[in-house]
Amino acid sequence: MNPPLPPAAPSTDELRAAAVRRLLQLHTDQELTSSHLSLVATTFNVTERTVRRWIDNARAHHGHYTPATRDRFTLTPDMHTAVARHRGNVAAAYQELCDETPEDAPPPPSRATFYRAVERDIPAGQRAGLSGGEQARRRYDIHGTRPRGHRNQYWETDHVEASVRVIIDGRIIRKPWITWFVDAATCAICGLAVSPQHGSSESILVALRDALLRTEGHGPFGGLPGRVRVDGGKDFLSEAVGQALGAFGVELIELPPRRPDLKPHVEAVNGAVKDMLFKGLPGYTHGPDQRPKNKEPEHLLTLESFVLKLREWVTGWNTGHTIPTLGGRTPAQAWNDDLSPVWDVSPRDVHTFTLARHGKALTIHPAGVRWRNRDYTAPWMHTPTTQVGRKVHLRYMPHHEDEIELYDAATGRHLGQAHPADQATPKEVRALLNARSREAARLRSRLDKAEKSRRERFAALTQPAPPKQLLTITREEAARQLRELNGRDTADEALPDYIPLPEPSAHWTTPIGPPHVPNPADATTNEDS
């Protein structure tokens, strides 16, 4: 059986001491030769003369090698506080140290000595945290590596904003968001969804539906996962997402906020798509801007073209991109080499359980189903027999109120879809959206004008002086603006309904003079008498 290892590796001085003890033992036994000295010198990368000095040092200290120690400058608590007060600015902290050192006190250390002491006494992570905050400090944390496990054992999901501006609906220029599910064991992208706005529970359910299905059009990656790791976003923790995963017995693991190291595989995909795809697309927003001012770039991708290119990149990532941590294999090769069983779900069940459910059962009335102040109808409600009075459960995709799915409340059987009874035409919807945009622009203009008029400006200074307000206005202009703004005195605003008391009538008894205040000396005199 092998002996237990020491708790920590020996230092260089300890190794030198062990070598010197061996040389002294050889000298005592009269077996020390120059070859021994040459071998030790070569091992420690020093000269034989240096080894002889080590032996002389050990003889001078009763056979123990004792290297000479050199005093080093260390930071005092006040110096630590100065570095923290200046947010990690070592130059400013040293300047403060020099300015506040009294004349009769010892001189401060040199700048180079102070800098070396800061680097030695304050770790790099703490210095980064002082200057850049907690997020900068986290870059110096040491993270362990999660075991990969088998395929579909763990999934990771996240939203990422595309660094590319695209044209949506022929008129809106916006950066879309991507939601995807990544298998932790193989780094395969199982499903994704692209949303023209920030990711929500809707995009999560759509991406989950794409990840669960493995039928034609969805790819070989997917199936039912065992657990899904999510961050603390409210959309990932929404009731709709929880019910969709809970219906299939999938556990949702909530990770602490601002810990990307706990879901490294989906974060790696987020970084890879930015470097491998977005940088080469027109409308990339993180590069040097070479377009003229107030002019949108030409030849931007449409949303449909962007989704097509993203799908092509995902196919290349899954089947053609080799990953070193997978042993130089592609995600597809790692997926096929894993013999763990894959549990598939029928498309009908996936469609049903990836819809949000309305809480209580609803009733079909002669006008249809009433939900969110709208009546929803469908032809199946009238054929072959009327469905009035029937109890139904309603399921819907979040933010999709143009159609709903209805199920029988007693049996759970799918009855069909329903649509709003009096739905506006696309032309009417476009006119309404344009009117809302014009009203929002007018409101923003008014708010900007009001904020500009409210903002106070003061003259620039080159020497210490009281601030001088830059507001030139005549009395007539001030009175006119007060009338326009309904300006009033604060005293009038405090009691707007106050009615002053009338003057006293002639037959009222009024005090002739001020009220009489008794003198304490008079009261003392009366008591003595």
Protein backbone atom coordinates (compact mmCIF):
# COMPACT_ATOMS: atom_id res chain seq x y z
CA MET A 1 0.00 0.00 0.00
CA ASN A 2 1.36 3.40 -0.96
CA PRO A 3 2.11 5.85 1.88
CA PRO A 4 -0.25 8.84 2.20
CA LEU A 5 0.81 11.98 0.38
CA PRO A 6 1.66 15.11 2.36
CA PRO A 7 -1.12 17.70 2.59
CA ALA A 8 0.79 20.22 0.47
CA ALA A 9 3.73 20.19 -1.93
CA PRO A 10 7.04 21.37 -0.40
CA SER A 11 8.39 24.76 -1.31
CA THR A 12 11.67 25.40 -3.11
CA ASP A 13 13.45 26.25 0.16
CA GLU A 14 12.31 22.95 1.66
CA LEU A 15 13.64 21.06 -1.33
CA ARG A 16 16.96 22.89 -1.05
CA ALA A 17 17.12 22.01 2.66
CA ALA A 18 16.54 18.33 1.89
CA ALA A 19 19.31 18.35 -0.74
CA VAL A 20 21.72 20.10 1.64
CA ARG A 21 21.01 17.56 4.39
CA ARG A 22 21.86 14.77 1.96
CA LEU A 23 25.11 16.49 0.94
CA LEU A 24 26.08 17.01 4.59
CA GLN A 25 25.42 13.34 5.27
CA LEU A 26 27.66 12.37 2.36
CA HIS A 27 30.35 14.73 3.66
CA THR A 28 30.14 13.16 7.12
CA ASP A 29 30.52 9.69 5.58
CA GLN A 30 33.44 11.02 3.49
CA GLU A 31 31.63 10.12 0.28
CA LEU A 32 30.92 13.64 -1.05
CA THR A 33 32.40 14.21 -4.49
CA SER A 34 32.22 17.00 -7.05
CA SER A 35 29.81 14.94 -9.12
CA HIS A 36 27.26 15.18 -6.28
CA LEU A 37 27.63 18.95 -6.22
CA SER A 38 27.31 19.16 -10.00
CA LEU A 39 24.17 16.98 -9.99
CA VAL A 40 22.42 19.12 -7.33
CA ALA A 41 23.45 22.35 -9.11
CA THR A 42 22.01 21.07 -12.39
CA THR A 43 18.76 20.03 -10.70
CA PHE A 44 18.20 23.45 -9.14
CA ASN A 45 19.62 25.31 -12.16
CA VAL A 46 22.37 27.02 -10.15
CA THR A 47 26.16 26.90 -10.06
CA GLU A 48 28.30 24.61 -7.88
CA ARG A 49 29.50 27.69 -6.02
CA THR A 50 25.93 28.42 -4.98
CA VAL A 51 25.51 24.86 -3.69
CA ARG A 52 28.70 25.24 -1.63
CA ARG A 53 27.23 28.43 -0.11
CA TRP A 54 24.10 26.45 0.84
CA ILE A 55 26.32 23.90 2.61
CA ASP A 56 28.20 26.67 4.45
CA ASN A 57 24.87 28.18 5.49
CA ALA A 58 23.74 24.84 6.95
CA ARG A 59 27.00 24.38 8.89
CA ALA A 60 26.62 27.88 10.33
CA HIS A 61 23.07 27.03 11.54
CA HIS A 62 23.84 23.68 13.20
CA GLY A 63 23.15 21.57 10.14
CA HIS A 64 19.91 23.33 9.07
CA TYR A 65 19.75 25.26 5.82
CA THR A 66 18.29 28.65 6.71
CA PRO A 67 17.94 30.99 3.73
CA ALA A 68 18.27 34.67 4.46
CA THR A 69 14.95 36.49 4.48
CA ARG A 70 14.47 39.96 3.04
CA ASP A 71 12.09 42.47 4.53
CA ARG A 72 9.29 43.42 2.16
CA PHE A 73 7.01 46.39 2.25
CA THR A 74 3.36 45.55 2.99
CA LEU A 75 0.28 47.72 2.77
CA THR A 76 -1.15 49.17 5.95
CA PRO A 77 -4.93 49.21 6.65
CA ASP A 78 -5.03 52.91 5.72
CA MET A 79 -3.40 52.12 2.37
CA HIS A 80 -5.96 49.38 1.73
CA THR A 81 -8.71 51.90 2.48
CA ALA A 82 -7.17 54.47 0.11
CA VAL A 83 -7.05 51.97 -2.74
CA ALA A 84 -10.69 51.03 -2.11
CA ARG A 85 -11.74 54.68 -1.83
CA HIS A 86 -10.23 55.43 -5.25
CA ARG A 87 -11.97 52.37 -6.77
CA GLY A 88 -8.74 50.48 -7.45
CA ASN A 89 -6.88 53.47 -8.92
CA VAL A 90 -3.40 52.76 -7.55
CA ALA A 91 -1.90 55.98 -8.94
CA ALA A 92 -4.51 58.13 -7.16
CA ALA A 93 -4.07 56.17 -3.92
CA TYR A 94 -0.30 56.66 -4.03
CA GLN A 95 -0.70 60.38 -4.73
CA GLU A 96 -3.00 60.68 -1.70
CA LEU A 97 -0.43 58.83 0.39
CA CYS A 98 2.29 61.28 -0.65
CA ASP A 99 0.10 64.37 -0.09
CA GLU A 100 -1.09 63.35 3.38
CA THR A 101 2.27 62.18 4.77
CA PRO A 102 3.46 64.68 7.45
CA GLU A 103 6.86 66.27 7.03
CA ASP A 104 8.21 64.78 10.28
CA ALA A 105 6.99 61.26 9.37
CA PRO A 106 9.07 58.70 7.45
CA PRO A 107 8.90 59.21 3.69
CA PRO A 108 6.46 57.00 1.75
CA PRO A 109 7.78 54.10 -0.30
CA SER A 110 8.69 54.58 -3.91
CA ARG A 111 6.01 54.32 -6.55
CA ALA A 112 7.34 51.00 -7.86
CA THR A 113 7.45 49.54 -4.33
CA PHE A 114 3.89 50.65 -3.66
CA TYR A 115 2.69 49.16 -6.95
CA ARG A 116 4.39 45.82 -6.20
CA ALA A 117 2.85 45.77 -2.73
CA VAL A 118 -0.63 46.36 -4.16
CA GLU A 119 -0.21 43.54 -6.68
CA ARG A 120 1.10 41.24 -3.94
CA ASP A 121 -1.34 42.08 -1.11
CA ILE A 122 -4.56 42.68 -3.09
CA PRO A 123 -5.59 39.80 -5.39
CA ALA A 124 -6.32 40.59 -9.02
CA GLY A 125 -9.98 39.67 -8.58
CA GLN A 126 -10.44 42.17 -5.76
CA ARG A 127 -8.70 44.90 -7.77
CA ALA A 128 -11.01 44.20 -10.70
CA GLY A 129 -14.01 44.32 -8.38
CA LEU A 130 -12.96 47.69 -6.98
CA SER A 131 -12.77 49.22 -10.46
CA GLY A 132 -15.48 47.31 -12.35
CA GLY A 133 -17.85 45.96 -9.74
CA GLU A 134 -19.01 42.45 -8.96
CA GLN A 135 -19.36 41.44 -12.59
CA ALA A 136 -15.69 42.25 -13.24
CA ARG A 137 -14.62 40.35 -10.13
CA ARG A 138 -16.47 37.23 -11.25
CA ARG A 139 -14.11 36.87 -14.22
CA TYR A 140 -11.39 35.81 -11.78
CA ASP A 141 -13.50 33.18 -10.02
CA ILE A 142 -12.45 29.57 -10.42
CA HIS A 143 -15.33 27.45 -11.70
CA GLY A 144 -15.51 23.70 -11.66
CA THR A 145 -16.54 21.63 -14.65
CA ARG A 146 -19.94 19.99 -14.55
CA PRO A 147 -20.08 16.30 -15.43
CA ARG A 148 -21.73 15.98 -18.83
CA GLY A 149 -23.79 12.89 -18.09
CA HIS A 150 -25.78 11.25 -20.88
CA ARG A 151 -27.89 12.83 -23.59
CA ASN A 152 -31.19 14.40 -22.50
CA GLN A 153 -30.18 14.13 -18.86
CA TYR A 154 -29.85 17.92 -18.58
CA TRP A 155 -30.91 20.73 -20.87
CA GLU A 156 -29.99 24.38 -20.60
CA THR A 157 -32.04 27.26 -21.98
CA ASP A 158 -31.53 30.99 -22.35
CA HIS A 159 -32.46 34.11 -24.33
CA VAL A 160 -29.85 35.94 -26.39
CA GLU A 161 -30.23 39.17 -28.35
CA ALA A 162 -29.00 38.99 -31.92
CA SER A 163 -26.37 41.63 -32.66
CA VAL A 164 -27.95 42.20 -36.08
CA ARG A 165 -30.70 44.62 -37.13
CA VAL A 166 -33.30 43.11 -39.42
CA ILE A 167 -36.39 44.38 -41.24
CA ILE A 168 -39.68 43.19 -39.76
CA ASP A 169 -42.92 43.46 -41.68
CA GLY A 170 -41.24 45.62 -44.30
CA ARG A 171 -41.03 48.73 -42.12
CA ILE A 172 -39.68 48.04 -38.61
CA ILE A 173 -35.94 47.72 -37.98
CA ARG A 174 -35.19 45.83 -34.81
CA LYS A 175 -32.78 43.32 -33.27
CA PRO A 176 -34.52 39.96 -32.77
CA TRP A 177 -34.11 37.65 -29.79
CA ILE A 178 -33.32 33.94 -29.88
CA THR A 179 -34.48 31.34 -27.36
CA TRP A 180 -32.98 27.87 -27.52
CA PHE A 181 -32.58 24.61 -25.63
CA VAL A 182 -29.13 22.98 -25.59
CA ASP A 183 -28.32 19.43 -24.50
CA ALA A 184 -25.62 19.57 -21.82
CA ALA A 185 -24.04 16.20 -22.66
CA THR A 186 -23.51 16.76 -26.39
CA CYS A 187 -23.84 20.58 -26.83
CA ALA A 188 -26.48 19.87 -29.49
CA ILE A 189 -29.06 22.60 -30.12
CA CYS A 190 -32.34 20.71 -29.78
CA GLY A 191 -34.77 23.56 -30.47
CA LEU A 192 -34.99 27.29 -30.97
CA ALA A 193 -37.41 30.16 -31.51
CA VAL A 194 -36.81 33.64 -32.92
CA SER A 195 -38.89 36.53 -31.63
CA PRO A 196 -38.95 40.10 -33.00
CA GLN A 197 -39.16 41.36 -29.43
CA HIS A 198 -37.60 40.35 -26.14
CA GLY A 199 -37.97 36.68 -25.32
CA SER A 200 -41.08 35.77 -23.32
CA SER A 201 -43.04 32.71 -22.22
CA GLU A 202 -44.39 32.51 -25.76
CA SER A 203 -40.94 32.09 -27.34
CA ILE A 204 -39.97 29.61 -24.60
CA LEU A 205 -43.00 27.42 -25.34
CA VAL A 206 -42.39 27.59 -29.09
CA ALA A 207 -38.71 26.65 -28.64
CA LEU A 208 -39.68 23.88 -26.22
CA ARG A 209 -42.13 22.50 -28.77
CA ASP A 210 -39.37 22.51 -31.39
CA ALA A 211 -36.96 20.78 -28.97
CA LEU A 212 -39.33 18.04 -27.82
CA LEU A 213 -40.34 16.91 -31.31
CA ARG A 214 -38.03 14.76 -33.44
CA THR A 215 -40.34 14.31 -36.40
CA GLU A 216 -39.60 15.58 -39.89
CA GLY A 217 -38.57 19.22 -39.85
CA HIS A 218 -37.25 19.12 -36.29
CA GLY A 219 -34.12 16.98 -36.57
CA PRO A 220 -32.80 13.96 -34.67
CA PHE A 221 -31.93 15.92 -31.52
CA GLY A 222 -34.55 16.24 -28.80
CA GLY A 223 -37.02 14.13 -26.91
CA LEU A 224 -37.95 14.38 -23.26
CA PRO A 225 -35.18 15.75 -20.99
CA GLY A 226 -34.76 14.79 -17.37
CA ARG A 227 -34.10 18.30 -16.05
CA VAL A 228 -33.88 21.80 -17.49
CA ARG A 229 -31.56 24.45 -16.05
CA VAL A 230 -32.89 28.01 -16.22
CA ASP A 231 -31.83 31.32 -14.74
CA GLY A 232 -34.06 33.41 -12.48
CA GLY A 233 -35.96 35.14 -15.30
CA LYS A 234 -39.66 35.49 -14.60
CA ASP A 235 -40.58 34.22 -18.07
CA PHE A 236 -38.71 30.93 -17.49
CA LEU A 237 -40.40 30.62 -14.09
CA SER A 238 -43.86 31.51 -15.39
CA GLU A 239 -46.84 29.30 -14.71
CA ALA A 240 -47.25 28.41 -18.39
CA VAL A 241 -43.67 27.12 -18.72
CA GLY A 242 -43.89 25.27 -15.40
CA GLN A 243 -47.10 23.51 -16.42
CA ALA A 244 -45.71 22.59 -19.85
CA LEU A 245 -42.63 20.92 -18.33
CA GLY A 246 -44.48 19.51 -15.33
CA ALA A 247 -46.99 17.73 -17.56
CA PHE A 248 -44.13 15.55 -18.85
CA GLY A 249 -42.44 15.15 -15.46
CA VAL A 250 -39.50 17.39 -16.36
CA GLU A 251 -37.86 19.08 -13.36
CA LEU A 252 -37.10 22.79 -13.65
CA ILE A 253 -33.85 23.77 -11.90
CA GLU A 254 -33.69 27.46 -11.01
CA LEU A 255 -30.12 28.76 -10.95
CA PRO A 256 -29.00 31.79 -8.94
CA PRO A 257 -28.85 35.09 -10.83
CA ARG A 258 -25.70 36.28 -12.61
CA ARG A 259 -24.11 32.83 -12.62
CA PRO A 260 -23.46 31.95 -16.27
CA ASP A 261 -20.90 29.37 -15.16
CA LEU A 262 -23.75 27.16 -13.93
CA LYS A 263 -25.15 26.80 -17.48
CA PRO A 264 -21.92 26.89 -19.49
CA HIS A 265 -23.13 25.02 -22.57
CA VAL A 266 -25.90 27.40 -23.58
CA GLU A 267 -23.63 30.34 -22.77
CA ALA A 268 -21.02 28.82 -25.08
CA VAL A 269 -23.63 28.66 -27.84
CA ASN A 270 -24.55 32.29 -27.18
CA GLY A 271 -20.94 33.35 -27.64
CA ALA A 272 -20.36 31.10 -30.65
CA VAL A 273 -23.31 32.41 -32.64
CA LYS A 274 -22.12 35.98 -32.11
CA ASP A 275 -18.60 35.22 -33.35
CA MET A 276 -19.41 32.70 -36.07
CA LEU A 277 -22.62 34.12 -37.57
CA PHE A 278 -23.60 37.62 -36.48
CA LYS A 279 -20.26 39.27 -37.32
CA GLY A 280 -20.61 38.33 -40.96
CA LEU A 281 -24.20 39.51 -41.46
CA PRO A 282 -25.26 42.96 -42.70
CA GLY A 283 -26.53 45.23 -39.97
CA TYR A 284 -24.07 43.96 -37.33
CA THR A 285 -24.26 46.42 -34.44
CA HIS A 286 -21.04 45.75 -32.52
CA GLY A 287 -18.60 46.65 -35.28
CA PRO A 288 -17.35 50.02 -36.53
CA ASP A 289 -20.27 52.04 -37.88
CA GLN A 290 -19.39 53.26 -41.37
CA ARG A 291 -22.84 54.38 -42.51
CA PRO A 292 -23.80 58.08 -42.72
CA LYS A 293 -25.56 59.66 -39.80
CA ASN A 294 -29.36 59.45 -39.62
CA LYS A 295 -29.43 56.84 -42.37
CA GLU A 296 -30.26 53.20 -41.93
CA PRO A 297 -27.90 50.68 -43.57
CA GLU A 298 -28.93 49.25 -46.90
CA HIS A 299 -29.47 45.58 -47.73
CA LEU A 300 -30.60 44.58 -44.25
CA LEU A 301 -31.89 41.07 -43.90
CA THR A 302 -35.58 40.46 -43.48
CA LEU A 303 -36.71 38.47 -40.48
CA GLU A 304 -37.42 35.46 -42.71
CA SER A 305 -33.91 35.56 -44.20
CA PHE A 306 -32.36 35.91 -40.76
CA VAL A 307 -34.22 32.85 -39.46
CA LEU A 308 -33.11 30.88 -42.54
CA LYS A 309 -29.44 31.77 -41.99
CA LEU A 310 -29.74 31.00 -38.29
CA ARG A 311 -31.20 27.58 -39.10
CA GLU A 312 -28.33 26.90 -41.49
CA TRP A 313 -25.81 27.87 -38.82
CA VAL A 314 -27.50 25.58 -36.27
CA THR A 315 -27.27 22.68 -38.71
CA GLY A 316 -23.57 23.41 -39.21
CA TRP A 317 -23.03 23.64 -35.46
CA ASN A 318 -24.72 20.31 -34.77
CA THR A 319 -23.19 18.34 -37.64
CA GLY A 320 -19.94 20.05 -38.69
CA HIS A 321 -18.46 21.94 -35.74
CA THR A 322 -16.00 19.93 -33.63
CA ILE A 323 -15.73 20.71 -29.91
CA PRO A 324 -12.48 19.96 -27.99
CA THR A 325 -14.31 19.05 -24.77
CA LEU A 326 -16.19 16.37 -26.71
CA GLY A 327 -12.92 14.77 -27.77
CA GLY A 328 -12.85 16.53 -31.13
CA ARG A 329 -16.30 15.23 -32.06
CA THR A 330 -19.28 17.14 -33.37
CA PRO A 331 -22.50 17.30 -31.33
CA ALA A 332 -24.10 14.90 -33.82
CA GLN A 333 -21.28 12.37 -33.37
CA ALA A 334 -21.49 12.67 -29.58
CA TRP A 335 -25.28 12.23 -29.78
CA ASN A 336 -25.03 9.12 -31.95
CA ASP A 337 -22.26 7.60 -29.80
CA ASP A 338 -24.48 7.91 -26.71
CA LEU A 339 -26.66 4.82 -26.39
CA SER A 340 -28.96 6.23 -23.72
CA PRO A 341 -32.65 5.80 -24.62
CA VAL A 342 -34.56 8.78 -25.98
CA TRP A 343 -38.18 9.22 -24.93
CA ASP A 344 -40.33 10.77 -27.62
CA VAL A 345 -43.69 12.52 -27.21
CA SER A 346 -46.50 12.55 -29.73
CA PRO A 347 -46.97 15.84 -31.60
CA ARG A 348 -50.55 16.02 -30.35
CA ASP A 349 -49.48 15.90 -26.70
CA VAL A 350 -46.70 18.40 -27.33
CA HIS A 351 -49.14 20.80 -28.97
CA THR A 352 -51.58 20.49 -26.08
CA PHE A 353 -49.22 20.83 -23.15
CA THR A 354 -47.12 23.62 -24.62
CA LEU A 355 -50.16 25.91 -24.47
CA ALA A 356 -51.06 28.00 -21.44
CA ARG A 357 -54.30 27.00 -19.72
CA HIS A 358 -57.04 29.28 -18.52
CA GLY A 359 -57.87 28.53 -14.91
CA LYS A 360 -61.58 27.77 -14.66
CA ALA A 361 -63.95 26.10 -17.09
CA LEU A 362 -65.92 28.34 -19.45
CA THR A 363 -69.39 27.93 -20.90
CA ILE A 364 -70.36 28.11 -24.57
CA HIS A 365 -73.06 30.77 -24.93
CA PRO A 366 -75.12 31.62 -28.01
CA ALA A 367 -72.47 34.26 -28.86
CA GLY A 368 -69.63 31.78 -28.36
CA VAL A 369 -67.04 31.57 -25.58
CA ARG A 370 -66.44 34.77 -23.63
CA TRP A 371 -62.77 35.33 -22.78
CA ARG A 372 -60.93 38.56 -22.06
CA ASN A 373 -63.95 40.67 -23.06
CA ARG A 374 -64.14 38.99 -26.47
CA ASP A 375 -66.50 36.42 -27.99
CA TYR A 376 -64.83 33.48 -29.74
CA THR A 377 -66.80 31.34 -32.17
CA ALA A 378 -66.14 28.45 -34.55
CA PRO A 379 -68.23 26.49 -37.07
CA TRP A 380 -68.02 23.28 -35.00
CA MET A 381 -70.05 24.98 -32.26
CA HIS A 382 -73.16 24.75 -34.48
CA THR A 383 -72.74 21.41 -36.26
CA PRO A 384 -74.05 18.74 -36.10
CA THR A 385 -75.84 19.94 -32.95
CA THR A 386 -75.55 23.14 -31.00
CA GLN A 387 -72.89 23.24 -28.25
CA VAL A 388 -74.56 25.97 -26.16
CA GLY A 389 -74.25 25.26 -22.44
CA ARG A 390 -71.25 22.95 -22.78
CA LYS A 391 -68.37 23.40 -20.32
CA VAL A 392 -64.95 23.72 -21.92
CA HIS A 393 -61.35 24.29 -20.90
CA LEU A 394 -59.41 26.92 -22.81
CA ARG A 395 -55.76 26.75 -23.81
CA TYR A 396 -53.83 29.41 -25.69
CA MET A 397 -50.37 30.48 -26.71
CA PRO A 398 -49.29 33.55 -24.68
CA HIS A 399 -49.73 36.80 -26.61
CA HIS A 400 -51.65 34.95 -29.36
CA GLU A 401 -55.22 36.04 -28.83
CA ASP A 402 -56.26 35.50 -32.46
CA GLU A 403 -57.05 31.82 -31.84
CA ILE A 404 -57.73 29.56 -28.86
CA GLU A 405 -58.01 25.81 -28.36
CA LEU A 406 -61.06 24.39 -26.57
CA TYR A 407 -61.27 21.03 -24.78
CA ASP A 408 -64.24 19.29 -23.20
CA ALA A 409 -64.22 19.97 -19.46
CA ALA A 410 -65.48 16.48 -18.56
CA THR A 411 -63.45 14.24 -20.86
CA GLY A 412 -60.53 16.49 -21.91
CA ARG A 413 -61.20 15.73 -25.58
CA HIS A 414 -60.03 18.37 -28.03
CA LEU A 415 -63.02 20.10 -29.60
CA GLY A 416 -61.33 22.53 -31.97
CA GLN A 417 -60.11 26.05 -32.47
CA ALA A 418 -62.06 29.26 -32.07
CA HIS A 419 -61.46 32.78 -33.33
CA PRO A 420 -62.75 36.25 -32.38
CA ALA A 421 -66.27 36.78 -33.69
CA ASP A 422 -65.71 40.30 -35.04
CA GLN A 423 -62.01 40.33 -35.82
CA ALA A 424 -60.63 43.43 -37.53
CA THR A 425 -59.19 43.17 -41.01
CA PRO A 426 -55.43 43.53 -41.55
CA LYS A 427 -56.02 46.95 -43.11
CA GLU A 428 -57.92 48.12 -40.03
CA VAL A 429 -55.23 46.75 -37.72
CA ARG A 430 -52.50 48.56 -39.68
CA ALA A 431 -54.46 51.84 -39.54
CA LEU A 432 -54.87 51.45 -35.78
CA LEU A 433 -51.17 50.76 -35.26
CA ASN A 434 -50.22 53.78 -37.37
CA ALA A 435 -52.55 56.00 -35.35
CA ARG A 436 -51.03 54.70 -32.11
CA SER A 437 -47.54 55.41 -33.44
CA ARG A 438 -48.46 58.98 -34.37
CA GLU A 439 -50.01 59.59 -30.95
CA ALA A 440 -46.92 58.15 -29.22
CA ALA A 441 -44.66 60.42 -31.31
CA ARG A 442 -46.73 63.48 -30.40
CA LEU A 443 -46.58 62.54 -26.72
CA ARG A 444 -42.80 62.05 -26.87
CA SER A 445 -42.42 65.45 -28.53
CA ARG A 446 -44.47 67.11 -25.81
CA LEU A 447 -42.53 65.36 -23.08
CA ASP A 448 -39.19 66.34 -24.64
CA LYS A 449 -40.33 69.96 -24.92
CA ALA A 450 -41.56 70.01 -21.32
CA GLU A 451 -38.33 68.46 -20.06
CA LYS A 452 -36.25 70.96 -22.03
CA SER A 453 -38.19 73.92 -20.61
CA ARG A 454 -37.90 72.52 -17.08
CA ARG A 455 -34.17 71.92 -17.26
CA GLU A 456 -32.08 74.59 -15.54
CA ARG A 457 -28.80 75.70 -17.10
CA PHE A 458 -25.90 77.38 -15.34
CA ALA A 459 -22.84 79.19 -16.64
CA ALA A 460 -19.55 77.34 -17.03
CA LEU A 461 -16.82 78.19 -14.49
CA THR A 462 -13.06 78.37 -14.58
CA GLN A 463 -12.63 79.66 -11.00
CA PRO A 464 -14.59 78.94 -7.81
CA ALA A 465 -17.72 81.13 -7.85
CA PRO A 466 -21.43 80.86 -7.05
CA PRO A 467 -23.44 79.23 -9.85
CA LYS A 468 -25.04 81.70 -12.26
CA GLN A 469 -28.39 80.64 -13.65
CA LEU A 470 -28.80 81.11 -17.42
CA LEU A 471 -32.45 82.11 -17.70
CA THR A 472 -33.31 85.39 -19.38
CA ILE A 473 -37.02 86.15 -19.43
CA THR A 474 -39.09 89.31 -19.19
CA ARG A 475 -41.84 89.86 -16.68
CA GLU A 476 -44.44 89.80 -19.43
CA GLU A 477 -43.14 86.43 -20.71
CA ALA A 478 -43.06 85.02 -17.19
CA ALA A 479 -46.65 86.15 -16.52
CA ARG A 480 -47.85 84.70 -19.83
CA GLN A 481 -46.20 81.34 -19.21
CA LEU A 482 -47.62 81.23 -15.69
CA ARG A 483 -51.09 81.78 -17.10
CA GLU A 484 -50.54 79.04 -19.67
CA LEU A 485 -49.28 76.66 -17.01
CA ASN A 486 -52.03 77.67 -14.54
CA GLY A 487 -49.39 78.90 -12.14
CA ARG A 488 -50.62 79.77 -8.66
CA ASP A 489 -49.18 80.76 -5.36
CA THR A 490 -48.40 77.83 -3.06
CA ALA A 491 -50.48 79.45 -0.31
CA ASP A 492 -53.52 79.35 -2.59
CA GLU A 493 -52.77 75.77 -3.55
CA ALA A 494 -52.61 74.70 0.12
CA LEU A 495 -56.20 75.84 0.95
CA PRO A 496 -58.05 76.20 -2.35
CA ASP A 497 -61.51 76.30 -0.66
CA TYR A 498 -60.59 78.70 2.13
CA ILE A 499 -63.15 81.55 2.61
CA PRO A 500 -61.85 84.52 4.61
CA LEU A 501 -63.88 85.57 7.66
CA PRO A 502 -66.13 88.64 7.27
CA GLU A 503 -65.48 91.88 9.10
CA PRO A 504 -67.11 92.04 12.59
CA SER A 505 -70.51 93.77 12.80
CA ALA A 506 -71.02 97.06 14.68
CA HIS A 507 -73.06 95.46 17.49
CA TRP A 508 -70.36 92.86 18.25
CA THR A 509 -68.27 93.27 21.42
CA THR A 510 -64.64 93.52 20.47
CA PRO A 511 -61.55 93.71 22.74
CA ILE A 512 -60.36 97.26 23.35
CA GLY A 513 -56.70 96.43 23.76
CA PRO A 514 -54.37 93.48 23.83
CA PRO A 515 -55.27 90.69 26.23
CA HIS A 516 -54.04 91.07 29.81
CA VAL A 517 -51.15 88.79 30.77
CA PRO A 518 -50.84 88.27 34.56
CA ASN A 519 -47.52 89.18 36.16
CA PRO A 520 -45.99 86.41 38.30
CA ALA A 521 -44.68 89.03 40.78
CA ASP A 522 -48.23 90.20 41.43
CA ALA A 523 -49.33 86.69 42.18
CA THR A 524 -46.49 86.23 44.72
CA THR A 525 -47.40 89.49 46.48
CA ASN A 526 -51.03 88.44 46.83
CA GLU A 527 -50.03 85.10 48.37
CA ASP A 528 -47.82 86.83 51.01
CA SER A 529 -50.61 89.14 51.99
